[in-house]
Amino acid sequence: MWTARLSCQVLRVVTPLGPRYIKPSSKERLYLLWMFRHFQRLSDVALSPRQQKLIDRLVTQGQPAFLPDPRKLKEIPLIGTVEQQEKFHS
């Protein structure tokens, strides 16, 4: 039963353009669960370079999970939320 619940969890990435919901692979999901073991929300500046690379790859190449119904946002089985800061180039 817990494996079925685990397999449907998604990652929310809040970007300057709005939130994205991404369905990671099983291996990525386990790593993300470990990343979010103490927190529900993380800023991308708090992540290690390896973790930032994973999040960037998921945002650009990951499988979008769905476009949620705004009335059912509380029911989405989230792994966690990453808040991406706008990256400025100097």
N, C-alpha and C. Protein backbone atom coordinates (compact mmCIF):
# COMPACT_ATOMS: atom_id res chain seq x y z
N MET A 1 0.82 -1.19 0.00
CA MET A 1 0.00 0.00 0.00
C MET A 1 0.86 1.26 0.00
N TRP A 2 1.91 1.32 0.83
CA TRP A 2 2.75 2.51 0.86
C TRP A 2 3.55 2.66 -0.42
N THR A 3 3.82 1.56 -1.14
CA THR A 3 4.55 1.67 -2.40
C THR A 3 3.68 2.33 -3.47
N ALA A 4 2.38 2.07 -3.46
CA ALA A 4 1.48 2.73 -4.41
C ALA A 4 1.43 4.22 -4.12
N ARG A 5 1.38 4.59 -2.86
CA ARG A 5 1.36 6.01 -2.50
C ARG A 5 2.68 6.67 -2.87
N LEU A 6 3.77 5.98 -2.65
CA LEU A 6 5.08 6.51 -2.98
C LEU A 6 5.23 6.73 -4.47
N SER A 7 4.68 5.84 -5.27
CA SER A 7 4.86 5.93 -6.72
C SER A 7 4.08 7.08 -7.35
N CYS A 8 3.11 7.64 -6.65
CA CYS A 8 2.32 8.73 -7.25
C CYS A 8 2.74 10.10 -6.74
N GLN A 9 3.76 10.17 -5.90
CA GLN A 9 4.19 11.46 -5.37
C GLN A 9 4.90 12.27 -6.44
N VAL A 10 4.73 13.60 -6.35
CA VAL A 10 5.33 14.51 -7.32
C VAL A 10 6.14 15.58 -6.60
N LEU A 11 7.01 16.21 -7.36
CA LEU A 11 7.82 17.32 -6.87
C LEU A 11 7.22 18.61 -7.41
N ARG A 12 7.05 19.59 -6.53
CA ARG A 12 6.60 20.91 -6.98
C ARG A 12 7.81 21.83 -7.01
N VAL A 13 8.02 22.48 -8.15
CA VAL A 13 9.09 23.45 -8.30
C VAL A 13 8.43 24.79 -8.59
N VAL A 14 8.63 25.73 -7.69
CA VAL A 14 8.05 27.07 -7.85
C VAL A 14 9.08 27.91 -8.58
N THR A 15 8.74 28.31 -9.80
CA THR A 15 9.63 29.12 -10.64
C THR A 15 9.04 30.52 -10.74
N PRO A 16 9.81 31.48 -11.26
CA PRO A 16 9.25 32.82 -11.47
C PRO A 16 8.03 32.81 -12.40
N LEU A 17 7.89 31.78 -13.23
CA LEU A 17 6.75 31.68 -14.14
C LEU A 17 5.57 30.92 -13.54
N GLY A 18 5.73 30.43 -12.33
CA GLY A 18 4.66 29.70 -11.67
C GLY A 18 5.10 28.30 -11.28
N PRO A 19 4.25 27.58 -10.54
CA PRO A 19 4.63 26.23 -10.08
C PRO A 19 4.57 25.21 -11.20
N ARG A 20 5.49 24.24 -11.12
CA ARG A 20 5.50 23.10 -12.04
C ARG A 20 5.45 21.85 -11.19
N TYR A 21 4.71 20.88 -11.64
CA TYR A 21 4.60 19.60 -10.94
C TYR A 21 5.26 18.55 -11.81
N ILE A 22 6.24 17.86 -11.23
CA ILE A 22 7.07 16.94 -12.00
C ILE A 22 7.01 15.56 -11.35
N LYS A 23 6.87 14.55 -12.19
CA LYS A 23 6.86 13.17 -11.71
C LYS A 23 8.26 12.59 -11.93
N PRO A 24 9.04 12.44 -10.86
CA PRO A 24 10.39 11.88 -10.99
C PRO A 24 10.36 10.36 -11.13
N SER A 25 11.49 9.83 -11.58
CA SER A 25 11.62 8.37 -11.66
C SER A 25 11.71 7.81 -10.23
N SER A 26 11.65 6.51 -10.10
CA SER A 26 11.70 5.88 -8.78
C SER A 26 13.00 6.22 -8.05
N LYS A 27 14.10 6.15 -8.75
CA LYS A 27 15.41 6.45 -8.15
C LYS A 27 15.48 7.92 -7.73
N GLU A 28 15.01 8.81 -8.60
CA GLU A 28 15.01 10.24 -8.27
C GLU A 28 14.07 10.51 -7.09
N ARG A 29 12.94 9.82 -7.06
CA ARG A 29 11.96 10.01 -5.99
C ARG A 29 12.57 9.63 -4.64
N LEU A 30 13.30 8.54 -4.58
CA LEU A 30 13.94 8.14 -3.32
C LEU A 30 14.95 9.18 -2.86
N TYR A 31 15.74 9.70 -3.80
CA TYR A 31 16.73 10.73 -3.46
C TYR A 31 16.02 12.00 -2.98
N LEU A 32 14.93 12.37 -3.66
CA LEU A 32 14.18 13.57 -3.25
C LEU A 32 13.54 13.38 -1.87
N LEU A 33 13.04 12.20 -1.59
CA LEU A 33 12.49 11.93 -0.26
C LEU A 33 13.55 12.12 0.81
N TRP A 34 14.77 11.70 0.51
CA TRP A 34 15.87 11.89 1.45
C TRP A 34 16.19 13.38 1.59
N MET A 35 16.19 14.12 0.46
CA MET A 35 16.46 15.57 0.50
C MET A 35 15.44 16.29 1.38
N PHE A 36 14.18 15.89 1.30
CA PHE A 36 13.11 16.58 2.01
C PHE A 36 12.76 15.89 3.33
N ARG A 37 13.64 15.08 3.87
CA ARG A 37 13.32 14.31 5.06
C ARG A 37 13.01 15.20 6.28
N HIS A 38 13.56 16.41 6.34
CA HIS A 38 13.31 17.30 7.47
C HIS A 38 12.53 18.56 7.09
N PHE A 39 12.33 18.78 5.80
CA PHE A 39 11.70 20.01 5.34
C PHE A 39 10.65 19.71 4.28
N GLN A 40 9.65 20.58 4.19
CA GLN A 40 8.66 20.47 3.13
C GLN A 40 8.98 21.40 1.97
N ARG A 41 9.69 22.50 2.26
CA ARG A 41 10.06 23.48 1.25
C ARG A 41 11.55 23.76 1.38
N LEU A 42 12.22 23.87 0.24
CA LEU A 42 13.63 24.22 0.20
C LEU A 42 13.86 25.26 -0.89
N SER A 43 14.71 26.21 -0.61
CA SER A 43 15.13 27.17 -1.62
C SER A 43 16.27 26.53 -2.41
N ASP A 44 16.36 26.82 -3.69
CA ASP A 44 17.42 26.21 -4.48
C ASP A 44 18.81 26.67 -4.04
N VAL A 45 18.92 27.83 -3.38
CA VAL A 45 20.23 28.28 -2.90
C VAL A 45 20.70 27.46 -1.71
N ALA A 46 19.79 26.75 -1.04
CA ALA A 46 20.16 25.90 0.09
C ALA A 46 20.59 24.51 -0.34
N LEU A 47 20.44 24.20 -1.62
CA LEU A 47 20.78 22.87 -2.12
C LEU A 47 22.24 22.77 -2.50
N SER A 48 22.77 21.57 -2.43
CA SER A 48 24.14 21.33 -2.88
C SER A 48 24.18 21.43 -4.41
N PRO A 49 25.37 21.58 -5.00
CA PRO A 49 25.46 21.63 -6.46
C PRO A 49 24.85 20.39 -7.13
N ARG A 50 25.03 19.23 -6.54
CA ARG A 50 24.46 18.00 -7.09
C ARG A 50 22.93 18.05 -7.07
N GLN A 51 22.38 18.52 -5.96
CA GLN A 51 20.93 18.62 -5.83
C GLN A 51 20.37 19.68 -6.79
N GLN A 52 21.07 20.80 -6.94
CA GLN A 52 20.64 21.84 -7.88
C GLN A 52 20.64 21.31 -9.31
N LYS A 53 21.64 20.52 -9.63
CA LYS A 53 21.73 19.95 -10.98
C LYS A 53 20.54 19.00 -11.23
N LEU A 54 20.19 18.20 -10.24
CA LEU A 54 19.04 17.29 -10.37
C LEU A 54 17.75 18.09 -10.59
N ILE A 55 17.54 19.11 -9.79
CA ILE A 55 16.32 19.92 -9.91
C ILE A 55 16.28 20.60 -11.27
N ASP A 56 17.38 21.18 -11.70
CA ASP A 56 17.43 21.83 -13.02
C ASP A 56 17.12 20.83 -14.13
N ARG A 57 17.66 19.63 -14.02
CA ARG A 57 17.41 18.61 -15.03
C ARG A 57 15.95 18.17 -15.03
N LEU A 58 15.38 18.02 -13.85
CA LEU A 58 13.97 17.64 -13.76
C LEU A 58 13.06 18.72 -14.35
N VAL A 59 13.40 19.98 -14.12
CA VAL A 59 12.58 21.07 -14.65
C VAL A 59 12.66 21.12 -16.17
N THR A 60 13.86 20.94 -16.71
CA THR A 60 14.01 21.06 -18.16
C THR A 60 13.67 19.78 -18.92
N GLN A 61 13.95 18.61 -18.32
CA GLN A 61 13.77 17.36 -19.04
C GLN A 61 12.78 16.41 -18.38
N GLY A 62 12.36 16.72 -17.18
CA GLY A 62 11.49 15.80 -16.44
C GLY A 62 10.11 15.68 -17.04
N GLN A 63 9.46 14.63 -16.65
CA GLN A 63 8.11 14.37 -17.13
C GLN A 63 7.12 15.20 -16.31
N PRO A 64 6.44 16.16 -16.98
CA PRO A 64 5.44 16.92 -16.22
C PRO A 64 4.35 15.98 -15.71
N ALA A 65 3.96 16.15 -14.48
CA ALA A 65 2.97 15.25 -13.90
C ALA A 65 1.57 15.60 -14.37
N PHE A 66 1.18 16.85 -14.24
CA PHE A 66 -0.17 17.25 -14.59
C PHE A 66 -0.32 18.74 -14.35
N LEU A 67 -1.42 19.27 -14.79
CA LEU A 67 -1.83 20.62 -14.43
C LEU A 67 -2.95 20.46 -13.42
N PRO A 68 -2.68 20.76 -12.16
CA PRO A 68 -3.66 20.47 -11.12
C PRO A 68 -4.87 21.40 -11.15
N ASP A 69 -5.97 20.87 -10.68
CA ASP A 69 -7.18 21.65 -10.47
C ASP A 69 -6.91 22.51 -9.23
N PRO A 70 -7.01 23.83 -9.36
CA PRO A 70 -6.70 24.70 -8.21
C PRO A 70 -7.50 24.38 -6.95
N ARG A 71 -8.68 23.79 -7.11
CA ARG A 71 -9.49 23.46 -5.93
C ARG A 71 -8.97 22.24 -5.19
N LYS A 72 -8.10 21.45 -5.84
CA LYS A 72 -7.61 20.21 -5.24
C LYS A 72 -6.12 20.25 -4.93
N LEU A 73 -5.53 21.43 -4.81
CA LEU A 73 -4.09 21.54 -4.56
C LEU A 73 -3.67 20.90 -3.25
N LYS A 74 -4.53 20.92 -2.25
CA LYS A 74 -4.20 20.32 -0.94
C LYS A 74 -4.12 18.80 -1.00
N GLU A 75 -4.72 18.19 -2.01
CA GLU A 75 -4.77 16.73 -2.10
C GLU A 75 -3.60 16.13 -2.88
N ILE A 76 -2.75 16.96 -3.47
CA ILE A 76 -1.65 16.46 -4.28
C ILE A 76 -0.61 15.80 -3.37
N PRO A 77 -0.21 14.56 -3.67
CA PRO A 77 0.80 13.89 -2.84
C PRO A 77 2.20 14.42 -3.18
N LEU A 78 2.65 15.43 -2.44
CA LEU A 78 3.92 16.08 -2.72
C LEU A 78 5.08 15.43 -1.98
N ILE A 79 6.19 15.31 -2.67
CA ILE A 79 7.45 14.94 -2.03
C ILE A 79 7.96 16.16 -1.27
N GLY A 80 7.91 17.30 -1.94
CA GLY A 80 8.36 18.55 -1.37
C GLY A 80 8.28 19.64 -2.42
N THR A 81 8.67 20.85 -2.01
CA THR A 81 8.62 22.01 -2.88
C THR A 81 9.99 22.67 -2.92
N VAL A 82 10.48 22.92 -4.13
CA VAL A 82 11.72 23.67 -4.32
C VAL A 82 11.34 25.04 -4.84
N GLU A 83 11.85 26.07 -4.19
CA GLU A 83 11.60 27.43 -4.64
C GLU A 83 12.82 27.90 -5.42
N GLN A 84 12.64 28.04 -6.72
CA GLN A 84 13.74 28.50 -7.55
C GLN A 84 13.79 30.02 -7.55
N GLN A 85 14.97 30.54 -7.24
CA GLN A 85 15.17 31.98 -7.29
C GLN A 85 15.50 32.39 -8.72
N GLU A 86 15.15 33.61 -9.07
CA GLU A 86 15.51 34.09 -10.40
C GLU A 86 17.02 34.24 -10.44
N LYS A 87 17.63 33.69 -11.47
CA LYS A 87 19.07 33.71 -11.59
C LYS A 87 19.48 34.86 -12.50
N PHE A 88 20.25 35.78 -11.91
CA PHE A 88 20.70 36.95 -12.66
C PHE A 88 22.11 36.70 -13.17
N HIS A 89 22.38 37.14 -14.37
CA HIS A 89 23.73 37.03 -14.94
C HIS A 89 24.37 38.40 -14.90
N SER A 90 25.59 38.48 -14.41
CA SER A 90 26.27 39.77 -14.36
C SER A 90 27.25 39.94 -15.49
